[in-house]
Amino acid sequence: MVDLVLLSEAAVEGAEHAADPALFGVLNGTAWVSIAMAVFIAIVIWKGGISAITAMLDRQIADIRSQLDDAKKLRAEAEVLRDEYARKIADAEKNAGEMATQAEHEAEAIVAQARTDAAELVQRRAKMAEDKIAAAERAAIAEVRAKTADAAAKAAAALIAQRHGADADKAMVDRTIAGLGRPH
């Protein structure tokens, strides 16, 4: 590493003492490069290089313009799509709001119908219960009447059996038979 540093220092010191090459003492390296460049530019102009360069630049400009036109078309299409989707989103939000409102109305109608149905059901059940109670009362009254009639018949039979004997039955049968022969 130290050797490289010493060599580079020696090269710098030697460069300070070296003379710049020149032709006739006037044309140094910078002048030769300038002359070569001027000759090159003159040849390019003489062979039509400028028109080739301008044609190439014109082609690039045309390509860039067509790319810009395509970009404008794509942007316009994207804006149309954006507007369409924004409109669809707005319609969807509107429809969702309408659906929610409709659902609320339907729910209210269902609740009102359920209340009405429940009230009617309660009334029907109350009526059925009242009818069952009335039927049970009628059955109980009929049973009581039947038992009363049965008890009265048994009591009447017992009374008749006690108060009527064979003589009383014979007189009653005779009166009944005598009544059969008469016209009414």
C-alpha atoms as a PDB file:
ATOM      1  CA  MET A   1       0.000   0.000   0.000  1.00  0.00           C
ATOM      2  CA  VAL A   2       2.856   2.350   0.867  1.00  0.00           C
ATOM      3  CA  ASP A   3       4.450   1.504  -2.493  1.00  0.00           C
ATOM      4  CA  LEU A   4       1.344   2.638  -4.363  1.00  0.00           C
ATOM      5  CA  VAL A   5       1.292   5.936  -2.531  1.00  0.00           C
ATOM      6  CA  LEU A   6       4.955   6.546  -3.381  1.00  0.00           C
ATOM      7  CA  LEU A   7       4.415   5.657  -7.033  1.00  0.00           C
ATOM      8  CA  SER A   8       1.414   7.993  -7.341  1.00  0.00           C
ATOM      9  CA  GLU A   9       3.440  10.831  -5.756  1.00  0.00           C
ATOM     10  CA  ALA A  10       6.268  10.195  -8.189  1.00  0.00           C
ATOM     11  CA  ALA A  11       3.842  10.296 -11.120  1.00  0.00           C
ATOM     12  CA  VAL A  12       2.431  13.612  -9.973  1.00  0.00           C
ATOM     13  CA  GLU A  13       5.883  15.132  -9.574  1.00  0.00           C
ATOM     14  CA  GLY A  14       6.933  13.873 -13.012  1.00  0.00           C
ATOM     15  CA  ALA A  15       3.832  15.310 -14.616  1.00  0.00           C
ATOM     16  CA  GLU A  16       4.728  18.756 -13.437  1.00  0.00           C
ATOM     17  CA  HIS A  17       8.022  18.709 -15.304  1.00  0.00           C
ATOM     18  CA  ALA A  18       6.731  17.136 -18.530  1.00  0.00           C
ATOM     19  CA  ALA A  19       6.093  19.442 -21.504  1.00  0.00           C
ATOM     20  CA  ASP A  20       2.723  19.393 -23.256  1.00  0.00           C
ATOM     21  CA  PRO A  21       3.139  17.986 -26.785  1.00  0.00           C
ATOM     22  CA  ALA A  22       2.305  20.490 -29.507  1.00  0.00           C
ATOM     23  CA  LEU A  23       2.599  20.658 -33.291  1.00  0.00           C
ATOM     24  CA  PHE A  24       4.678  23.559 -34.435  1.00  0.00           C
ATOM     25  CA  GLY A  25       4.595  24.756 -30.876  1.00  0.00           C
ATOM     26  CA  VAL A  26       1.051  26.116 -31.415  1.00  0.00           C
ATOM     27  CA  LEU A  27      -1.374  23.189 -31.653  1.00  0.00           C
ATOM     28  CA  ASN A  28      -1.610  21.405 -28.340  1.00  0.00           C
ATOM     29  CA  GLY A  29      -3.990  18.474 -27.393  1.00  0.00           C
ATOM     30  CA  THR A  30      -7.006  20.710 -26.788  1.00  0.00           C
ATOM     31  CA  ALA A  31      -6.691  22.307 -30.204  1.00  0.00           C
ATOM     32  CA  TRP A  32      -6.469  18.886 -31.896  1.00  0.00           C
ATOM     33  CA  VAL A  33      -9.629  17.658 -30.131  1.00  0.00           C
ATOM     34  CA  SER A  34     -11.465  20.845 -31.152  1.00  0.00           C
ATOM     35  CA  ILE A  35     -10.409  20.444 -34.784  1.00  0.00           C
ATOM     36  CA  ALA A  36     -11.435  16.759 -34.819  1.00  0.00           C
ATOM     37  CA  MET A  37     -14.831  17.646 -33.384  1.00  0.00           C
ATOM     38  CA  ALA A  38     -15.401  20.384 -35.946  1.00  0.00           C
ATOM     39  CA  VAL A  39     -14.486  17.961 -38.782  1.00  0.00           C
ATOM     40  CA  PHE A  40     -16.824  15.311 -37.363  1.00  0.00           C
ATOM     41  CA  ILE A  41     -19.717  17.798 -37.133  1.00  0.00           C
ATOM     42  CA  ALA A  42     -19.037  18.992 -40.695  1.00  0.00           C
ATOM     43  CA  ILE A  43     -19.109  15.377 -42.006  1.00  0.00           C
ATOM     44  CA  VAL A  44     -22.346  14.667 -40.134  1.00  0.00           C
ATOM     45  CA  ILE A  45     -23.950  17.794 -41.633  1.00  0.00           C
ATOM     46  CA  TRP A  46     -22.594  17.050 -45.139  1.00  0.00           C
ATOM     47  CA  LYS A  47     -23.874  13.401 -45.104  1.00  0.00           C
ATOM     48  CA  GLY A  48     -27.380  14.436 -43.964  1.00  0.00           C
ATOM     49  CA  GLY A  49     -26.976  13.434 -40.361  1.00  0.00           C
ATOM     50  CA  ILE A  50     -29.000  16.417 -39.200  1.00  0.00           C
ATOM     51  CA  SER A  51     -32.049  15.270 -41.150  1.00  0.00           C
ATOM     52  CA  ALA A  52     -31.613  11.746 -39.749  1.00  0.00           C
ATOM     53  CA  ILE A  53     -31.358  13.130 -36.234  1.00  0.00           C
ATOM     54  CA  THR A  54     -34.398  15.377 -36.750  1.00  0.00           C
ATOM     55  CA  ALA A  55     -36.340  12.471 -38.284  1.00  0.00           C
ATOM     56  CA  MET A  56     -35.443  10.308 -35.300  1.00  0.00           C
ATOM     57  CA  LEU A  57     -36.454  13.093 -32.924  1.00  0.00           C
ATOM     58  CA  ASP A  58     -39.693  13.592 -34.889  1.00  0.00           C
ATOM     59  CA  ARG A  59     -40.442   9.849 -34.574  1.00  0.00           C
ATOM     60  CA  GLN A  60     -39.819  10.021 -30.841  1.00  0.00           C
ATOM     61  CA  ILE A  61     -42.039  13.088 -30.595  1.00  0.00           C
ATOM     62  CA  ALA A  62     -44.785  11.271 -32.534  1.00  0.00           C
ATOM     63  CA  ASP A  63     -44.415   8.225 -30.286  1.00  0.00           C
ATOM     64  CA  ILE A  64     -44.610  10.410 -27.187  1.00  0.00           C
ATOM     65  CA  ARG A  65     -47.687  12.195 -28.589  1.00  0.00           C
ATOM     66  CA  SER A  66     -49.400   8.877 -29.323  1.00  0.00           C
ATOM     67  CA  GLN A  67     -48.545   7.680 -25.815  1.00  0.00           C
ATOM     68  CA  LEU A  68     -49.972  10.924 -24.411  1.00  0.00           C
ATOM     69  CA  ASP A  69     -53.120  10.475 -26.530  1.00  0.00           C
ATOM     70  CA  ASP A  70     -53.435   6.887 -25.280  1.00  0.00           C
ATOM     71  CA  ALA A  71     -52.933   8.118 -21.725  1.00  0.00           C
ATOM     72  CA  LYS A  72     -55.655  10.747 -22.247  1.00  0.00           C
ATOM     73  CA  LYS A  73     -58.012   8.076 -23.615  1.00  0.00           C
ATOM     74  CA  LEU A  74     -57.237   5.790 -20.695  1.00  0.00           C
ATOM     75  CA  ARG A  75     -57.769   8.656 -18.273  1.00  0.00           C
ATOM     76  CA  ALA A  76     -61.105   9.505 -19.907  1.00  0.00           C
ATOM     77  CA  GLU A  77     -62.163   5.837 -19.710  1.00  0.00           C
ATOM     78  CA  ALA A  78     -61.050   5.691 -16.081  1.00  0.00           C
ATOM     79  CA  GLU A  79     -63.034   8.831 -15.290  1.00  0.00           C
ATOM     80  CA  VAL A  80     -66.098   7.349 -17.006  1.00  0.00           C
ATOM     81  CA  LEU A  81     -65.666   4.133 -15.004  1.00  0.00           C
ATOM     82  CA  ARG A  82     -65.134   6.137 -11.823  1.00  0.00           C
ATOM     83  CA  ASP A  83     -68.290   8.148 -12.455  1.00  0.00           C
ATOM     84  CA  GLU A  84     -70.220   4.979 -13.311  1.00  0.00           C
ATOM     85  CA  TYR A  85     -69.090   3.235 -10.143  1.00  0.00           C
ATOM     86  CA  ALA A  86     -69.757   6.355  -8.075  1.00  0.00           C
ATOM     87  CA  ARG A  87     -73.263   6.407  -9.554  1.00  0.00           C
ATOM     88  CA  LYS A  88     -73.665   2.683  -8.841  1.00  0.00           C
ATOM     89  CA  ILE A  89     -72.475   3.193  -5.263  1.00  0.00           C
ATOM     90  CA  ALA A  90     -74.898   6.092  -4.820  1.00  0.00           C
ATOM     91  CA  ASP A  91     -77.716   3.959  -6.279  1.00  0.00           C
ATOM     92  CA  ALA A  92     -76.747   1.058  -4.034  1.00  0.00           C
ATOM     93  CA  GLU A  93     -76.731   3.317  -0.979  1.00  0.00           C
ATOM     94  CA  LYS A  94     -80.097   4.747  -2.026  1.00  0.00           C
ATOM     95  CA  ASN A  95     -81.489   1.236  -2.580  1.00  0.00           C
ATOM     96  CA  ALA A  96     -80.081   0.108   0.749  1.00  0.00           C
ATOM     97  CA  GLY A  97     -81.773   3.060   2.446  1.00  0.00           C
ATOM     98  CA  GLU A  98     -85.035   2.297   0.673  1.00  0.00           C
ATOM     99  CA  MET A  99     -84.727  -1.380   1.583  1.00  0.00           C
ATOM    100  CA  ALA A 100     -84.070  -0.476   5.213  1.00  0.00           C
ATOM    101  CA  THR A 101     -87.082   1.851   5.250  1.00  0.00           C
ATOM    102  CA  GLN A 102     -89.218  -0.808   3.565  1.00  0.00           C
ATOM    103  CA  ALA A 103     -87.989  -3.409   6.054  1.00  0.00           C
ATOM    104  CA  GLU A 104     -88.866  -1.091   8.939  1.00  0.00           C
ATOM    105  CA  HIS A 105     -92.361  -0.576   7.531  1.00  0.00           C
ATOM    106  CA  GLU A 106     -92.788  -4.309   6.984  1.00  0.00           C
ATOM    107  CA  ALA A 107     -91.525  -5.008  10.500  1.00  0.00           C
ATOM    108  CA  GLU A 108     -93.963  -2.461  11.920  1.00  0.00           C
ATOM    109  CA  ALA A 109     -96.775  -4.037   9.881  1.00  0.00           C
ATOM    110  CA  ILE A 110     -95.768  -7.514  11.069  1.00  0.00           C
ATOM    111  CA  VAL A 111     -95.645  -6.334  14.689  1.00  0.00           C
ATOM    112  CA  ALA A 112     -99.048  -4.631  14.321  1.00  0.00           C
ATOM    113  CA  GLN A 113    -100.478  -7.773  12.680  1.00  0.00           C
ATOM    114  CA  ALA A 114     -98.947  -9.908  15.433  1.00  0.00           C
ATOM    115  CA  ARG A 115    -100.534  -7.676  18.073  1.00  0.00           C
ATOM    116  CA  THR A 116    -103.884  -7.889  16.300  1.00  0.00           C
ATOM    117  CA  ASP A 117    -103.544 -11.656  15.898  1.00  0.00           C
ATOM    118  CA  ALA A 118    -102.528 -12.008  19.549  1.00  0.00           C
ATOM    119  CA  ALA A 119    -105.520  -9.932  20.669  1.00  0.00           C
ATOM    120  CA  GLU A 120    -107.824 -11.992  18.455  1.00  0.00           C
ATOM    121  CA  LEU A 121    -106.258 -15.202  19.765  1.00  0.00           C
ATOM    122  CA  VAL A 122    -106.755 -14.037  23.355  1.00  0.00           C
ATOM    123  CA  GLN A 123    -110.367 -13.173  22.559  1.00  0.00           C
ATOM    124  CA  ARG A 124    -110.922 -16.562  20.863  1.00  0.00           C
ATOM    125  CA  ARG A 125    -109.305 -18.395  23.759  1.00  0.00           C
ATOM    126  CA  ALA A 126    -111.350 -16.384  26.262  1.00  0.00           C
ATOM    127  CA  LYS A 127    -114.499 -17.154  24.241  1.00  0.00           C
ATOM    128  CA  MET A 128    -113.518 -20.839  24.092  1.00  0.00           C
ATOM    129  CA  ALA A 129    -112.897 -20.828  27.847  1.00  0.00           C
ATOM    130  CA  GLU A 130    -116.233 -19.096  28.436  1.00  0.00           C
ATOM    131  CA  ASP A 131    -117.926 -21.618  26.131  1.00  0.00           C
ATOM    132  CA  LYS A 132    -116.255 -24.506  27.985  1.00  0.00           C
ATOM    133  CA  ILE A 133    -117.311 -23.013  31.315  1.00  0.00           C
ATOM    134  CA  ALA A 134    -120.872 -22.505  30.023  1.00  0.00           C
ATOM    135  CA  ALA A 135    -120.923 -26.061  28.663  1.00  0.00           C
ATOM    136  CA  ALA A 136    -119.606 -27.364  31.984  1.00  0.00           C
ATOM    137  CA  GLU A 137    -122.258 -25.326  33.786  1.00  0.00           C
ATOM    138  CA  ARG A 138    -124.967 -26.711  31.474  1.00  0.00           C
ATOM    139  CA  ALA A 139    -123.628 -30.233  31.934  1.00  0.00           C
ATOM    140  CA  ALA A 140    -123.535 -29.731  35.700  1.00  0.00           C
ATOM    141  CA  ILE A 141    -127.066 -28.295  35.685  1.00  0.00           C
ATOM    142  CA  ALA A 142    -128.278 -31.146  33.449  1.00  0.00           C
ATOM    143  CA  GLU A 143    -126.577 -33.662  35.737  1.00  0.00           C
ATOM    144  CA  VAL A 144    -128.071 -31.986  38.777  1.00  0.00           C
ATOM    145  CA  ARG A 145    -131.486 -31.964  37.054  1.00  0.00           C
ATOM    146  CA  ALA A 146    -131.116 -35.602  36.045  1.00  0.00           C
ATOM    147  CA  LYS A 147    -130.086 -36.577  39.563  1.00  0.00           C
ATOM    148  CA  THR A 148    -132.923 -34.423  40.936  1.00  0.00           C
ATOM    149  CA  ALA A 149    -135.412 -35.972  38.519  1.00  0.00           C
ATOM    150  CA  ASP A 150    -134.102 -39.438  39.339  1.00  0.00           C
ATOM    151  CA  ALA A 151    -134.307 -38.690  43.059  1.00  0.00           C
ATOM    152  CA  ALA A 152    -137.813 -37.239  42.591  1.00  0.00           C
ATOM    153  CA  ALA A 153    -138.902 -40.283  40.580  1.00  0.00           C
ATOM    154  CA  LYS A 154    -137.510 -42.598  43.214  1.00  0.00           C
ATOM    155  CA  ALA A 155    -139.170 -40.522  45.938  1.00  0.00           C
ATOM    156  CA  ALA A 156    -142.450 -40.465  44.003  1.00  0.00           C
ATOM    157  CA  ALA A 157    -142.220 -44.215  43.435  1.00  0.00           C
ATOM    158  CA  ALA A 158    -141.542 -44.707  47.105  1.00  0.00           C
ATOM    159  CA  LEU A 159    -144.476 -42.436  48.039  1.00  0.00           C
ATOM    160  CA  ILE A 160    -146.761 -44.099  45.548  1.00  0.00           C
ATOM    161  CA  ALA A 161    -145.703 -47.475  46.784  1.00  0.00           C
ATOM    162  CA  GLN A 162    -146.428 -46.387  50.379  1.00  0.00           C
ATOM    163  CA  ARG A 163    -149.767 -44.666  49.713  1.00  0.00           C
ATOM    164  CA  HIS A 164    -151.199 -46.868  47.027  1.00  0.00           C
ATOM    165  CA  GLY A 165    -151.966 -50.354  47.567  1.00  0.00           C
ATOM    166  CA  ALA A 166    -153.558 -53.008  45.353  1.00  0.00           C
ATOM    167  CA  ASP A 167    -157.073 -51.615  45.971  1.00  0.00           C
ATOM    168  CA  ALA A 168    -156.037 -48.095  44.968  1.00  0.00           C
ATOM    169  CA  ASP A 169    -154.285 -49.405  41.872  1.00  0.00           C
ATOM    170  CA  LYS A 170    -157.412 -51.375  40.867  1.00  0.00           C
ATOM    171  CA  ALA A 171    -159.622 -48.292  41.133  1.00  0.00           C
ATOM    172  CA  MET A 172    -157.166 -46.238  39.091  1.00  0.00           C
ATOM    173  CA  VAL A 173    -156.916 -48.921  36.395  1.00  0.00           C
ATOM    174  CA  ASP A 174    -160.720 -49.144  36.233  1.00  0.00           C
ATOM    175  CA  ARG A 175    -161.071 -45.370  35.797  1.00  0.00           C
ATOM    176  CA  THR A 176    -158.441 -45.371  33.077  1.00  0.00           C
ATOM    177  CA  ILE A 177    -160.135 -48.186  31.186  1.00  0.00           C
ATOM    178  CA  ALA A 178    -163.511 -46.460  31.467  1.00  0.00           C
ATOM    179  CA  GLY A 179    -161.950 -43.289  30.072  1.00  0.00           C
ATOM    180  CA  LEU A 180    -160.598 -45.092  27.046  1.00  0.00           C
ATOM    181  CA  GLY A 181    -163.971 -45.875  25.660  1.00  0.00           C
ATOM    182  CA  ARG A 182    -165.170 -42.264  25.578  1.00  0.00           C
ATOM    183  CA  PRO A 183    -164.401 -39.987  22.739  1.00  0.00           C
ATOM    184  CA  HIS A 184    -162.449 -36.941  23.600  1.00  0.00           C
END
